[in-house]
Protein backbone atom coordinates (compact mmCIF):
# COMPACT_ATOMS: atom_id res chain seq x y z
CA MET A 1 102.61 -125.08 51.86
CA PRO A 2 99.81 -126.41 49.72
CA THR A 3 96.85 -124.53 48.34
CA SER A 4 93.33 -125.88 48.07
CA THR A 5 94.18 -126.91 44.49
CA ASP A 6 97.19 -128.90 45.72
CA VAL A 7 95.09 -130.69 48.35
CA VAL A 8 92.42 -131.59 45.79
CA ASN A 9 95.09 -132.81 43.36
CA ARG A 10 96.49 -135.00 46.17
CA ALA A 11 92.99 -136.46 46.63
CA LEU A 12 92.77 -137.11 42.89
CA GLU A 13 96.15 -138.91 43.05
CA LEU A 14 94.77 -141.13 45.82
CA LEU A 15 91.91 -142.05 43.50
CA GLY A 16 94.35 -143.07 40.80
CA VAL A 17 92.70 -140.88 38.17
CA GLN A 18 94.73 -139.14 35.51
CA VAL A 19 93.03 -135.81 36.16
CA GLN A 20 94.47 -132.72 37.82
CA ILE A 21 92.72 -129.41 38.39
CA THR A 22 94.08 -125.88 38.02
CA ALA A 23 91.56 -124.33 40.43
CA LEU A 24 88.49 -125.32 42.41
CA ASN A 25 86.32 -123.63 39.80
CA ASP A 26 88.26 -124.47 36.64
CA GLY A 27 85.17 -125.81 34.84
CA SER A 28 86.31 -129.44 34.80
CA VAL A 29 84.17 -132.18 36.35
CA ALA A 30 86.77 -132.67 39.08
CA GLY A 31 87.10 -128.90 39.67
CA ASN A 32 83.35 -128.44 39.90
CA ALA A 33 83.00 -131.37 42.32
CA ALA A 34 85.92 -130.11 44.40
CA GLN A 35 84.41 -126.63 44.61
CA VAL A 36 81.31 -128.12 46.27
CA ILE A 37 83.16 -130.61 48.48
CA TYR A 38 86.29 -128.80 49.66
CA ALA A 39 85.10 -126.09 52.10
CA PRO A 40 82.56 -128.27 53.97
CA ALA A 41 85.16 -131.03 54.36
CA VAL A 42 87.78 -128.62 55.72
CA ASN A 43 85.25 -127.09 58.11
CA LEU A 44 84.19 -130.54 59.28
CA LEU A 45 87.77 -131.46 60.19
CA LEU A 46 88.50 -128.07 61.75
CA ARG A 47 85.40 -128.39 63.92
CA ARG A 48 86.20 -131.95 64.92
CA LEU A 49 89.90 -131.57 65.60
CA ASP A 50 90.22 -127.99 66.94
CA PRO A 51 93.80 -127.73 65.62
CA ALA A 52 96.10 -125.15 67.19
CA PHE A 53 96.63 -123.34 63.87
CA ALA A 54 92.89 -122.51 63.70
CA ARG A 55 92.63 -121.14 67.26
CA ARG A 56 91.56 -117.50 67.55
CA THR A 57 90.96 -115.27 70.56
CA ASP A 58 88.78 -112.19 70.05
CA VAL A 59 86.98 -109.69 72.23
CA LEU A 60 83.24 -110.23 71.87
CA SER A 61 80.79 -107.47 70.94
CA ALA A 62 77.51 -106.97 72.76
CA ALA A 63 74.64 -108.32 70.67
CA GLY A 64 71.93 -105.94 71.88
CA GLY A 65 69.17 -108.53 71.90
CA THR A 66 66.97 -109.96 74.61
CA ILE A 67 69.16 -111.73 77.15
CA PRO A 68 67.62 -115.00 78.34
CA PRO A 69 67.73 -115.78 82.08
CA PRO A 70 69.87 -116.73 83.96
CA TRP A 71 72.45 -114.92 81.82
CA THR A 72 73.36 -111.24 82.15
CA HIS A 73 75.27 -110.63 78.91
CA GLU A 74 74.69 -111.51 75.26
CA TYR A 75 77.43 -111.36 72.63
CA THR A 76 77.53 -111.56 68.85
CA TYR A 77 78.73 -114.94 67.62
CA PRO A 78 81.98 -114.41 65.63
CA ALA A 79 81.35 -114.75 61.88
CA ASP A 80 84.29 -117.13 61.37
CA CYS A 81 83.60 -119.26 64.48
CA LEU A 82 83.16 -122.97 63.81
CA ARG A 83 83.34 -124.06 67.42
CA LEU A 84 83.47 -122.10 70.64
CA ARG A 85 86.26 -123.48 72.82
CA GLN A 86 86.19 -121.21 75.83
CA LEU A 87 85.01 -117.88 77.24
CA ARG A 88 87.32 -115.76 79.33
CA PRO A 89 87.53 -112.26 80.74
CA GLN A 90 89.42 -109.77 78.62
CA ALA A 91 93.19 -109.79 79.00
CA GLY A 92 94.48 -108.10 82.13
CA SER A 93 91.13 -108.15 83.92
CA TYR A 94 91.42 -111.55 85.58
CA ASN A 95 93.65 -113.67 87.77
CA VAL A 96 95.45 -116.16 85.51
CA ASN A 97 95.77 -118.55 88.46
CA ASP A 98 92.00 -118.74 89.03
CA PRO A 99 90.95 -122.23 87.91
CA GLN A 100 87.24 -121.39 87.63
CA PRO A 101 86.07 -121.42 84.00
CA VAL A 102 83.86 -118.67 82.66
CA ARG A 103 80.44 -120.18 82.04
CA GLY A 104 78.49 -119.46 78.92
CA ALA A 105 76.32 -121.04 76.28
CA LEU A 106 75.32 -120.75 72.66
CA ALA A 107 71.79 -119.54 71.99
CA PHE A 108 69.65 -118.26 69.17
CA ASP A 109 68.18 -114.80 69.61
CA ASN A 110 64.86 -114.77 67.75
CA GLY A 111 64.68 -110.97 67.83
CA LEU A 112 68.06 -110.69 66.12
CA ALA A 113 67.56 -113.87 64.09
CA ALA A 114 71.14 -114.79 64.92
CA LYS A 115 73.25 -117.20 66.93
CA VAL A 116 74.64 -115.54 70.06
CA ILE A 117 76.84 -116.34 73.05
CA VAL A 118 75.32 -115.78 76.49
CA SER A 119 77.30 -115.52 79.71
CA ASN A 120 77.45 -113.80 83.08
CA GLN A 121 80.91 -112.48 82.19
CA ALA A 122 81.07 -108.76 81.39
CA ASN A 123 83.49 -107.81 78.59
CA ALA A 124 84.15 -111.41 77.56
CA SER A 125 86.64 -112.75 75.05
CA ALA A 126 86.09 -115.94 73.08
CA VAL A 127 88.61 -118.61 72.23
CA TYR A 128 87.31 -120.48 69.21
CA THR A 129 88.14 -122.52 66.14
CA SER A 130 88.12 -120.29 63.09
CA SER A 131 86.81 -121.30 59.68
CA THR A 132 89.48 -119.18 58.01
CA PRO A 133 92.89 -120.45 59.13
CA ASN A 134 95.83 -119.75 56.87
CA GLU A 135 96.50 -122.84 54.73
CA ASN A 136 100.22 -122.10 55.09
CA GLN A 137 99.93 -123.07 58.76
CA TRP A 138 98.31 -126.47 58.18
CA ASP A 139 100.44 -129.38 59.35
CA SER A 140 101.05 -132.37 57.08
CA ALA A 141 98.69 -134.66 59.02
CA PHE A 142 95.81 -132.21 58.60
CA ILE A 143 96.55 -131.81 54.88
CA GLU A 144 96.51 -135.57 54.39
CA ALA A 145 93.31 -135.93 56.42
CA VAL A 146 91.58 -133.32 54.21
CA ALA A 147 92.85 -134.96 51.00
CA ARG A 148 91.60 -138.36 52.12
CA LEU A 149 88.27 -137.00 53.35
CA ILE A 150 87.52 -135.24 50.05
CA SER A 151 88.70 -138.22 48.01
CA ASN A 152 85.63 -140.14 49.18
CA PRO A 153 83.00 -137.84 47.61
CA LEU A 154 85.31 -137.17 44.66
CA ALA A 155 85.39 -140.91 43.95
CA MET A 156 81.60 -140.92 43.81
CA ALA A 157 81.38 -137.72 41.75
CA LEU A 158 83.99 -138.74 39.19
CA ALA A 159 83.58 -142.46 38.83
CA GLY A 160 80.62 -143.66 40.87
CA ARG A 161 82.88 -146.00 42.84
CA PRO A 162 81.13 -146.63 46.19
CA ASP A 163 83.42 -149.50 47.19
CA PHE A 164 86.54 -147.39 46.79
CA ALA A 165 84.82 -144.42 48.41
CA ARG A 166 84.16 -146.52 51.55
CA GLU A 167 87.84 -147.49 51.75
CA LEU A 168 88.90 -143.86 51.42
CA LEU A 169 86.45 -142.76 54.10
CA ALA A 170 87.90 -145.32 56.51
CA GLU A 171 91.42 -144.07 55.70
CA ALA A 172 90.30 -140.47 56.20
CA GLU A 173 89.12 -141.39 59.68
CA GLN A 174 92.55 -142.87 60.49
CA TYR A 175 94.34 -139.75 59.24
CA ALA A 176 91.94 -137.51 61.16
CA ASN A 177 92.82 -139.45 64.32
CA THR A 178 96.51 -138.92 63.56
CA ALA A 179 95.95 -135.20 62.98
CA GLU A 180 94.10 -135.04 66.29
CA LEU A 181 97.15 -136.42 68.09
CA VAL A 182 99.37 -133.65 66.72
CA ASP A 183 97.69 -130.99 68.90
CA GLU A 184 97.26 -133.01 72.09
CA ASN A 185 100.47 -131.80 73.67
């Protein structure tokens, strides 16, 4: 499967430029631009699409801060969490046929100066979209959506081509919609 360099080179092909990079930080104009653009673009799509390959389930750790009412528990927000999908009791401690969702919310604990998850669920687990999925697990629609999304700012950074950048952004939106359909089943 492709690396970040391969995805950026695909974006450069879409632009029709005769430049290829060897790494995101290879010192070239394209490499330097890609280094700034790549991670935020990937995170944007991961957050928007919630693809199955980026789904993680982890046991949450108690945060130890001041718990705001009406909640009874406060948990540390996972470092690699882009988007919280669901809270649930830890495995084995709940009835899988119970349709009631575990309620919770995101909050900011001023005492800890950190984002936290609050809930009334003791010993909660979080299902979330991770910012660190393995690129080897990306499906082809997601790869193409990333390449087309980063081609827009690359077009501006390399050639100052706003008209072409607008076209690429519209195409990126279409590919993102296609990638979203992949995980709907």
